[in-house]
Amino acid sequence: MVLPLTRRRLDVDPHRAESRVSAYVYGTVLVLAAVVGVYPEAVASGAGALVVVGTVLSTFLAHVLAHSVGSLVTGGRGRQLREAVRDATPILSSGALPAALLWAGSAGVLSEAWAQSLAAAVGLVRVAGIGVVYRRLQADVPFGRAVAVGAVAAAVALLVVVVKLTLTH
């Protein structure tokens, strides 16, 4: 018996799948930029982990606001707000492991350099896996294409991080 590499989520509406994938990528790229942008001293003091947590929380709230403002203006139902919150949860998950790794660097469990490197690697792996995530949520896409899309997405994410750090630091 051959097991599929991904299990399809047929219960997710295609529009909501797009929203979840968008949140997944957006949150992960911003966390990656935050991780790469902190100085080693910030990792050592614990401030790096707080930067990641702050990035995740502010991005999550902004995403929910952006995806629910229309229904709020038109007097939409609470269901739309609940869906916006649910679809934005990948943003929260994008920072959990990187923040934990940076905290481990501040606690002396890992060196600051290892903690920051591993936290950045987590972000790159998450972005590289986006094709497989989307394939699982909705798309009828060949696995090879999903992997190729992830590789391109990871390269673009690195470019975004370089642009952000170059222009803002």
N, C-alpha and C. Protein backbone atom coordinates (compact mmCIF):
# COMPACT_ATOMS: atom_id res chain seq x y z
N MET A 1 0.84 -1.18 0.00
CA MET A 1 0.00 0.00 0.00
C MET A 1 0.88 1.24 0.00
N VAL A 2 0.62 2.15 -0.92
CA VAL A 2 1.38 3.39 -1.02
C VAL A 2 0.58 4.50 -0.36
N LEU A 3 1.21 5.16 0.59
CA LEU A 3 0.54 6.26 1.28
C LEU A 3 0.79 7.56 0.52
N PRO A 4 -0.22 8.41 0.40
CA PRO A 4 -0.01 9.70 -0.28
C PRO A 4 0.91 10.58 0.54
N LEU A 5 1.67 11.42 -0.15
CA LEU A 5 2.58 12.33 0.54
C LEU A 5 1.84 13.43 1.27
N THR A 6 0.66 13.75 0.80
CA THR A 6 -0.17 14.74 1.48
C THR A 6 -1.61 14.24 1.48
N ARG A 7 -2.32 14.59 2.52
CA ARG A 7 -3.73 14.22 2.61
C ARG A 7 -4.55 15.46 2.26
N ARG A 8 -5.42 15.33 1.28
CA ARG A 8 -6.21 16.47 0.82
C ARG A 8 -7.23 16.90 1.87
N ARG A 9 -7.43 18.20 1.97
CA ARG A 9 -8.48 18.78 2.82
C ARG A 9 -9.60 19.22 1.91
N LEU A 10 -10.50 18.33 1.59
CA LEU A 10 -11.57 18.64 0.66
C LEU A 10 -12.64 19.52 1.28
N ASP A 11 -12.58 19.73 2.60
CA ASP A 11 -13.59 20.53 3.27
C ASP A 11 -13.27 22.02 3.26
N VAL A 12 -12.14 22.42 2.67
CA VAL A 12 -11.74 23.82 2.67
C VAL A 12 -12.12 24.45 1.33
N ASP A 13 -12.94 25.49 1.39
CA ASP A 13 -13.34 26.24 0.21
C ASP A 13 -12.08 26.81 -0.48
N PRO A 14 -12.03 26.81 -1.81
CA PRO A 14 -10.83 27.31 -2.50
C PRO A 14 -10.44 28.74 -2.11
N HIS A 15 -11.41 29.62 -1.91
CA HIS A 15 -11.10 30.99 -1.51
C HIS A 15 -10.44 31.01 -0.13
N ARG A 16 -10.97 30.21 0.77
CA ARG A 16 -10.39 30.15 2.12
C ARG A 16 -9.03 29.48 2.08
N ALA A 17 -8.83 28.51 1.20
CA ALA A 17 -7.51 27.90 1.06
C ALA A 17 -6.50 28.95 0.63
N GLU A 18 -6.89 29.80 -0.32
CA GLU A 18 -6.01 30.89 -0.76
C GLU A 18 -5.68 31.83 0.40
N SER A 19 -6.69 32.13 1.21
CA SER A 19 -6.48 33.02 2.35
C SER A 19 -5.51 32.40 3.35
N ARG A 20 -5.65 31.12 3.61
CA ARG A 20 -4.75 30.43 4.54
C ARG A 20 -3.33 30.38 4.02
N VAL A 21 -3.19 30.08 2.73
CA VAL A 21 -1.86 30.04 2.13
C VAL A 21 -1.23 31.42 2.17
N SER A 22 -2.02 32.45 1.89
CA SER A 22 -1.52 33.82 1.95
C SER A 22 -1.02 34.15 3.35
N ALA A 23 -1.79 33.80 4.35
CA ALA A 23 -1.38 34.05 5.74
C ALA A 23 -0.12 33.26 6.08
N TYR A 24 -0.04 32.03 5.63
CA TYR A 24 1.12 31.17 5.88
C TYR A 24 2.39 31.81 5.32
N VAL A 25 2.31 32.24 4.06
CA VAL A 25 3.49 32.83 3.42
C VAL A 25 3.82 34.19 4.03
N TYR A 26 2.82 35.03 4.17
CA TYR A 26 3.05 36.38 4.68
C TYR A 26 3.66 36.33 6.09
N GLY A 27 3.05 35.54 6.95
CA GLY A 27 3.57 35.43 8.31
C GLY A 27 4.98 34.88 8.35
N THR A 28 5.24 33.86 7.55
CA THR A 28 6.55 33.23 7.55
C THR A 28 7.63 34.17 7.02
N VAL A 29 7.32 34.90 5.95
CA VAL A 29 8.32 35.82 5.39
C VAL A 29 8.62 36.94 6.38
N LEU A 30 7.60 37.48 7.04
CA LEU A 30 7.85 38.54 8.02
C LEU A 30 8.63 38.03 9.23
N VAL A 31 8.32 36.82 9.67
CA VAL A 31 9.09 36.23 10.77
C VAL A 31 10.53 36.00 10.34
N LEU A 32 10.73 35.49 9.13
CA LEU A 32 12.08 35.28 8.63
C LEU A 32 12.87 36.59 8.62
N ALA A 33 12.23 37.66 8.15
CA ALA A 33 12.90 38.97 8.14
C ALA A 33 13.21 39.43 9.56
N ALA A 34 12.30 39.19 10.49
CA ALA A 34 12.54 39.58 11.89
C ALA A 34 13.71 38.78 12.47
N VAL A 35 13.74 37.49 12.20
CA VAL A 35 14.80 36.62 12.74
C VAL A 35 16.16 37.06 12.19
N VAL A 36 16.23 37.26 10.89
CA VAL A 36 17.50 37.63 10.27
C VAL A 36 17.92 39.03 10.68
N GLY A 37 16.95 39.89 10.97
CA GLY A 37 17.25 41.28 11.29
C GLY A 37 17.69 41.56 12.71
N VAL A 38 17.53 40.61 13.62
CA VAL A 38 17.95 40.89 15.00
C VAL A 38 19.46 40.69 15.14
N TYR A 39 20.05 41.48 16.01
CA TYR A 39 21.48 41.38 16.27
C TYR A 39 21.74 40.25 17.26
N PRO A 40 22.93 39.69 17.25
CA PRO A 40 23.26 38.62 18.20
C PRO A 40 23.01 39.01 19.67
N GLU A 41 23.23 40.28 19.98
CA GLU A 41 22.98 40.74 21.35
C GLU A 41 21.50 40.62 21.70
N ALA A 42 20.62 40.86 20.72
CA ALA A 42 19.19 40.73 20.95
C ALA A 42 18.80 39.28 21.17
N VAL A 43 19.47 38.37 20.48
CA VAL A 43 19.22 36.94 20.70
C VAL A 43 19.64 36.59 22.13
N ALA A 44 20.81 37.04 22.53
CA ALA A 44 21.34 36.72 23.85
C ALA A 44 20.46 37.26 24.97
N SER A 45 19.89 38.44 24.77
CA SER A 45 19.09 39.08 25.83
C SER A 45 17.64 38.60 25.87
N GLY A 46 17.21 37.90 24.84
CA GLY A 46 15.81 37.49 24.77
C GLY A 46 14.96 38.44 23.95
N ALA A 47 15.50 39.59 23.60
CA ALA A 47 14.75 40.56 22.81
C ALA A 47 14.42 40.02 21.42
N GLY A 48 15.27 39.17 20.89
CA GLY A 48 15.02 38.59 19.57
C GLY A 48 13.74 37.78 19.55
N ALA A 49 13.54 36.98 20.59
CA ALA A 49 12.32 36.18 20.68
C ALA A 49 11.10 37.10 20.79
N LEU A 50 11.25 38.19 21.55
CA LEU A 50 10.14 39.14 21.67
C LEU A 50 9.84 39.85 20.35
N VAL A 51 10.87 40.12 19.56
CA VAL A 51 10.66 40.73 18.24
C VAL A 51 9.83 39.79 17.38
N VAL A 52 10.13 38.50 17.42
CA VAL A 52 9.38 37.52 16.63
C VAL A 52 7.94 37.43 17.13
N VAL A 53 7.75 37.37 18.43
CA VAL A 53 6.39 37.31 18.99
C VAL A 53 5.61 38.57 18.62
N GLY A 54 6.24 39.74 18.73
CA GLY A 54 5.58 40.99 18.35
C GLY A 54 5.24 41.04 16.87
N THR A 55 6.13 40.53 16.05
CA THR A 55 5.88 40.48 14.60
C THR A 55 4.69 39.59 14.31
N VAL A 56 4.65 38.44 14.95
CA VAL A 56 3.56 37.48 14.72
C VAL A 56 2.22 38.07 15.18
N LEU A 57 2.18 38.61 16.37
CA LEU A 57 0.92 39.13 16.89
C LEU A 57 0.41 40.32 16.08
N SER A 58 1.29 41.25 15.74
CA SER A 58 0.85 42.42 14.98
C SER A 58 0.44 42.02 13.56
N THR A 59 1.13 41.09 12.96
CA THR A 59 0.76 40.62 11.62
C THR A 59 -0.57 39.89 11.66
N PHE A 60 -0.76 39.06 12.67
CA PHE A 60 -2.02 38.33 12.82
C PHE A 60 -3.20 39.30 12.94
N LEU A 61 -3.07 40.28 13.81
CA LEU A 61 -4.15 41.25 14.00
C LEU A 61 -4.41 42.07 12.74
N ALA A 62 -3.34 42.49 12.07
CA ALA A 62 -3.51 43.26 10.83
C ALA A 62 -4.17 42.41 9.75
N HIS A 63 -3.81 41.14 9.67
CA HIS A 63 -4.40 40.24 8.67
C HIS A 63 -5.89 40.04 8.95
N VAL A 64 -6.23 39.80 10.20
CA VAL A 64 -7.65 39.62 10.55
C VAL A 64 -8.43 40.89 10.23
N LEU A 65 -7.88 42.05 10.59
CA LEU A 65 -8.55 43.31 10.29
C LEU A 65 -8.74 43.48 8.78
N ALA A 66 -7.69 43.23 8.01
CA ALA A 66 -7.76 43.41 6.56
C ALA A 66 -8.79 42.49 5.92
N HIS A 67 -8.92 41.28 6.45
CA HIS A 67 -9.84 40.32 5.86
C HIS A 67 -11.26 40.40 6.42
N SER A 68 -11.47 41.23 7.40
CA SER A 68 -12.82 41.32 7.95
C SER A 68 -13.39 42.73 7.92
N VAL A 69 -12.62 43.71 7.50
CA VAL A 69 -13.10 45.10 7.53
C VAL A 69 -14.33 45.28 6.64
N GLY A 70 -14.35 44.62 5.50
CA GLY A 70 -15.51 44.74 4.61
C GLY A 70 -16.79 44.27 5.28
N SER A 71 -16.73 43.13 5.95
CA SER A 71 -17.93 42.62 6.62
C SER A 71 -18.28 43.48 7.82
N LEU A 72 -17.30 44.11 8.45
CA LEU A 72 -17.59 44.99 9.57
C LEU A 72 -18.31 46.25 9.09
N VAL A 73 -17.87 46.80 7.95
CA VAL A 73 -18.49 48.01 7.40
C VAL A 73 -19.92 47.73 6.95
N THR A 74 -20.13 46.59 6.31
CA THR A 74 -21.45 46.27 5.77
C THR A 74 -22.37 45.59 6.79
N GLY A 75 -21.89 45.45 8.01
CA GLY A 75 -22.72 44.81 9.04
C GLY A 75 -22.78 43.30 8.87
N GLY A 76 -21.69 42.74 8.35
CA GLY A 76 -21.64 41.30 8.13
C GLY A 76 -21.74 40.52 9.43
N ARG A 77 -21.95 39.24 9.26
CA ARG A 77 -22.14 38.38 10.42
C ARG A 77 -20.81 38.02 11.07
N GLY A 78 -20.88 37.55 12.29
CA GLY A 78 -19.70 37.13 13.04
C GLY A 78 -18.98 35.96 12.41
N ARG A 79 -19.68 35.21 11.56
CA ARG A 79 -19.06 34.06 10.90
C ARG A 79 -17.86 34.51 10.08
N GLN A 80 -17.97 35.65 9.41
CA GLN A 80 -16.88 36.13 8.59
C GLN A 80 -15.66 36.50 9.43
N LEU A 81 -15.89 37.06 10.59
CA LEU A 81 -14.79 37.37 11.49
C LEU A 81 -14.14 36.08 11.99
N ARG A 82 -14.95 35.10 12.35
CA ARG A 82 -14.40 33.81 12.80
C ARG A 82 -13.58 33.15 11.69
N GLU A 83 -14.06 33.24 10.46
CA GLU A 83 -13.31 32.67 9.34
C GLU A 83 -12.00 33.41 9.13
N ALA A 84 -12.01 34.72 9.27
CA ALA A 84 -10.79 35.51 9.13
C ALA A 84 -9.78 35.12 10.19
N VAL A 85 -10.24 34.93 11.42
CA VAL A 85 -9.35 34.51 12.51
C VAL A 85 -8.79 33.12 12.21
N ARG A 86 -9.66 32.21 11.80
CA ARG A 86 -9.22 30.83 11.49
C ARG A 86 -8.21 30.82 10.35
N ASP A 87 -8.50 31.59 9.31
CA ASP A 87 -7.62 31.60 8.15
C ASP A 87 -6.28 32.28 8.44
N ALA A 88 -6.22 33.10 9.49
CA ALA A 88 -4.98 33.79 9.85
C ALA A 88 -4.12 32.98 10.82
N THR A 89 -4.60 31.86 11.32
CA THR A 89 -3.82 31.10 12.30
C THR A 89 -2.46 30.63 11.78
N PRO A 90 -2.27 30.42 10.47
CA PRO A 90 -0.91 30.07 10.03
C PRO A 90 0.12 31.15 10.36
N ILE A 91 -0.33 32.39 10.51
CA ILE A 91 0.59 33.45 10.91
C ILE A 91 1.11 33.16 12.32
N LEU A 92 0.23 32.74 13.21
CA LEU A 92 0.65 32.44 14.58
C LEU A 92 1.64 31.28 14.59
N SER A 93 1.36 30.27 13.80
CA SER A 93 2.26 29.11 13.80
C SER A 93 3.61 29.45 13.17
N SER A 94 3.65 30.48 12.32
CA SER A 94 4.90 30.82 11.65
C SER A 94 5.99 31.28 12.62
N GLY A 95 5.59 31.80 13.76
CA GLY A 95 6.58 32.32 14.69
C GLY A 95 6.85 31.46 15.91
N ALA A 96 6.08 30.40 16.09
CA ALA A 96 6.20 29.61 17.31
C ALA A 96 7.59 28.97 17.45
N LEU A 97 8.01 28.21 16.47
CA LEU A 97 9.32 27.54 16.58
C LEU A 97 10.48 28.53 16.50
N PRO A 98 10.46 29.51 15.58
CA PRO A 98 11.56 30.49 15.59
C PRO A 98 11.68 31.23 16.93
N ALA A 99 10.56 31.62 17.53
CA ALA A 99 10.64 32.30 18.83
C ALA A 99 11.21 31.37 19.89
N ALA A 100 10.80 30.12 19.87
CA ALA A 100 11.31 29.14 20.84
C ALA A 100 12.82 28.94 20.65
N LEU A 101 13.27 28.88 19.41
CA LEU A 101 14.70 28.72 19.15
C LEU A 101 15.48 29.94 19.61
N LEU A 102 14.95 31.13 19.36
CA LEU A 102 15.64 32.34 19.82
C LEU A 102 15.64 32.42 21.35
N TRP A 103 14.56 31.97 21.96
CA TRP A 103 14.53 31.92 23.42
C TRP A 103 15.60 30.94 23.92
N ALA A 104 15.74 29.80 23.23
CA ALA A 104 16.77 28.82 23.62
C ALA A 104 18.16 29.44 23.52
N GLY A 105 18.34 30.34 22.56
CA GLY A 105 19.62 31.06 22.46
C GLY A 105 19.83 32.01 23.61
N SER A 106 18.76 32.62 24.08
CA SER A 106 18.90 33.54 25.22
C SER A 106 19.07 32.79 26.53
N ALA A 107 18.56 31.57 26.60
CA ALA A 107 18.67 30.77 27.82
C ALA A 107 19.97 29.98 27.89
N GLY A 108 20.78 30.05 26.84
CA GLY A 108 22.05 29.33 26.84
C GLY A 108 21.94 27.88 26.42
N VAL A 109 20.75 27.45 26.00
CA VAL A 109 20.57 26.08 25.53
C VAL A 109 21.28 25.91 24.18
N LEU A 110 21.20 26.95 23.35
CA LEU A 110 21.89 27.00 22.07
C LEU A 110 22.75 28.26 22.06
N SER A 111 23.79 28.26 21.26
CA SER A 111 24.53 29.51 21.09
C SER A 111 23.65 30.48 20.32
N GLU A 112 23.93 31.77 20.45
CA GLU A 112 23.13 32.77 19.76
C GLU A 112 23.14 32.54 18.25
N ALA A 113 24.31 32.22 17.71
CA ALA A 113 24.43 32.01 16.26
C ALA A 113 23.62 30.80 15.80
N TRP A 114 23.69 29.71 16.57
CA TRP A 114 22.92 28.51 16.22
C TRP A 114 21.42 28.77 16.32
N ALA A 115 21.02 29.45 17.38
CA ALA A 115 19.60 29.74 17.57
C ALA A 115 19.06 30.57 16.41
N GLN A 116 19.78 31.60 16.04
CA GLN A 116 19.33 32.46 14.95
C GLN A 116 19.37 31.72 13.61
N SER A 117 20.40 30.94 13.39
CA SER A 117 20.50 30.18 12.14
C SER A 117 19.39 29.15 12.01
N LEU A 118 19.12 28.43 13.09
CA LEU A 118 18.04 27.44 13.06
C LEU A 118 16.67 28.10 12.89
N ALA A 119 16.47 29.23 13.55
CA ALA A 119 15.20 29.95 13.42
C ALA A 119 15.00 30.42 11.98
N ALA A 120 16.06 30.90 11.35
CA ALA A 120 15.97 31.31 9.94
C ALA A 120 15.72 30.10 9.04
N ALA A 121 16.37 29.00 9.33
CA ALA A 121 16.18 27.78 8.53
C ALA A 121 14.73 27.30 8.61
N VAL A 122 14.13 27.42 9.79
CA VAL A 122 12.71 27.04 9.94
C VAL A 122 11.85 27.86 8.98
N GLY A 123 12.10 29.16 8.91
CA GLY A 123 11.34 30.02 8.01
C GLY A 123 11.53 29.62 6.56
N LEU A 124 12.76 29.35 6.18
CA LEU A 124 13.01 28.95 4.78
C LEU A 124 12.34 27.62 4.45
N VAL A 125 12.39 26.68 5.37
CA VAL A 125 11.76 25.38 5.14
C VAL A 125 10.24 25.55 5.02
N ARG A 126 9.67 26.40 5.88
CA ARG A 126 8.22 26.64 5.79
C ARG A 126 7.84 27.23 4.44
N VAL A 127 8.59 28.22 3.97
CA VAL A 127 8.26 28.82 2.68
C VAL A 127 8.49 27.80 1.56
N ALA A 128 9.57 27.05 1.65
CA ALA A 128 9.85 26.04 0.62
C ALA A 128 8.76 24.97 0.57
N GLY A 129 8.07 24.76 1.66
CA GLY A 129 7.01 23.77 1.71
C GLY A 129 5.65 24.28 1.31
N ILE A 130 5.56 25.52 0.85
CA ILE A 130 4.24 26.11 0.59
C ILE A 130 3.48 25.41 -0.52
N GLY A 131 4.17 24.93 -1.53
CA GLY A 131 3.48 24.21 -2.60
C GLY A 131 2.81 22.95 -2.09
N VAL A 132 3.49 22.25 -1.19
CA VAL A 132 2.93 21.03 -0.61
C VAL A 132 1.76 21.38 0.31
N VAL A 133 1.87 22.48 1.05
CA VAL A 133 0.78 22.91 1.91
C VAL A 133 -0.45 23.25 1.07
N TYR A 134 -0.24 24.01 0.01
CA TYR A 134 -1.37 24.37 -0.85
C TYR A 134 -1.98 23.14 -1.50
N ARG A 135 -1.12 22.23 -1.91
CA ARG A 135 -1.59 20.97 -2.51
C ARG A 135 -2.48 20.22 -1.54
N ARG A 136 -2.09 20.23 -0.27
CA ARG A 136 -2.88 19.54 0.75
C ARG A 136 -4.23 20.23 0.96
N LEU A 137 -4.22 21.55 0.95
CA LEU A 137 -5.47 22.28 1.20
C LEU A 137 -6.46 22.15 0.06
N GLN A 138 -5.98 22.26 -1.18
CA GLN A 138 -6.98 22.33 -2.22
C GLN A 138 -6.53 21.89 -3.60
N ALA A 139 -5.36 22.27 -4.00
CA ALA A 139 -4.99 22.16 -5.41
C ALA A 139 -4.75 20.73 -5.86
N ASP A 140 -5.14 20.48 -7.08
CA ASP A 140 -4.84 19.22 -7.73
C ASP A 140 -3.57 19.45 -8.54
N VAL A 141 -2.45 19.51 -7.85
CA VAL A 141 -1.17 19.85 -8.44
C VAL A 141 -0.23 18.67 -8.27
N PRO A 142 0.51 18.33 -9.32
CA PRO A 142 1.51 17.25 -9.16
C PRO A 142 2.53 17.61 -8.08
N PHE A 143 2.97 16.60 -7.37
CA PHE A 143 3.89 16.82 -6.25
C PHE A 143 5.16 17.55 -6.71
N GLY A 144 5.72 17.17 -7.85
CA GLY A 144 6.94 17.82 -8.35
C GLY A 144 6.74 19.31 -8.58
N ARG A 145 5.59 19.66 -9.11
CA ARG A 145 5.30 21.08 -9.33
C ARG A 145 5.16 21.81 -8.00
N ALA A 146 4.53 21.17 -7.02
CA ALA A 146 4.38 21.78 -5.70
C ALA A 146 5.75 22.05 -5.08
N VAL A 147 6.67 21.12 -5.24
CA VAL A 147 8.03 21.30 -4.70
C VAL A 147 8.75 22.42 -5.44
N ALA A 148 8.59 22.47 -6.76
CA ALA A 148 9.24 23.53 -7.55
C ALA A 148 8.71 24.92 -7.16
N VAL A 149 7.40 25.02 -6.97
CA VAL A 149 6.81 26.28 -6.54
C VAL A 149 7.39 26.69 -5.18
N GLY A 150 7.53 25.73 -4.29
CA GLY A 150 8.12 26.02 -2.98
C GLY A 150 9.55 26.52 -3.08
N ALA A 151 10.34 25.94 -3.97
CA ALA A 151 11.73 26.37 -4.14
C ALA A 151 11.78 27.81 -4.66
N VAL A 152 10.93 28.12 -5.62
CA VAL A 152 10.87 29.49 -6.15
C VAL A 152 10.40 30.45 -5.05
N ALA A 153 9.40 30.03 -4.29
CA ALA A 153 8.89 30.87 -3.20
C ALA A 153 9.98 31.15 -2.17
N ALA A 154 10.78 30.15 -1.85
CA ALA A 154 11.87 30.35 -0.88
C ALA A 154 12.90 31.34 -1.42
N ALA A 155 13.21 31.25 -2.70
CA ALA A 155 14.17 32.18 -3.30
C ALA A 155 13.61 33.61 -3.27
N VAL A 156 12.34 33.76 -3.59
CA VAL A 156 11.72 35.09 -3.56
C VAL A 156 11.65 35.60 -2.12
N ALA A 157 11.36 34.72 -1.18
CA ALA A 157 11.32 35.12 0.24
C ALA A 157 12.68 35.65 0.68
N LEU A 158 13.75 35.00 0.26
CA LEU A 158 15.09 35.50 0.59
C LEU A 158 15.32 36.88 -0.01
N LEU A 159 14.86 37.09 -1.22
CA LEU A 159 14.98 38.40 -1.86
C LEU A 159 14.20 39.45 -1.07
N VAL A 160 13.00 39.11 -0.63
CA VAL A 160 12.18 40.03 0.17
C VAL A 160 12.92 40.39 1.45
N VAL A 161 13.51 39.41 2.11
CA VAL A 161 14.24 39.66 3.35
C VAL A 161 15.42 40.59 3.09
N VAL A 162 16.15 40.35 2.02
CA VAL A 162 17.30 41.20 1.69
C VAL A 162 16.83 42.63 1.43
N VAL A 163 15.77 42.79 0.65
CA VAL A 163 15.23 44.13 0.37
C VAL A 163 14.79 44.81 1.64
N LYS A 164 14.06 44.10 2.50
CA LYS A 164 13.57 44.69 3.75
C LYS A 164 14.73 45.13 4.63
N LEU A 165 15.69 44.25 4.81
CA LEU A 165 16.81 44.58 5.69
C LEU A 165 17.69 45.70 5.10
N THR A 166 17.83 45.70 3.80
CA THR A 166 18.63 46.74 3.14
C THR A 166 17.98 48.12 3.27
N LEU A 167 16.67 48.16 3.12
CA LEU A 167 15.97 49.44 3.13
C LEU A 167 15.53 49.91 4.51
N THR A 168 15.47 49.00 5.48
CA THR A 168 14.94 49.41 6.78
C THR A 168 15.94 49.31 7.92
N HIS A 169 17.10 48.75 7.71
CA HIS A 169 18.08 48.64 8.81
C HIS A 169 19.32 49.43 8.51
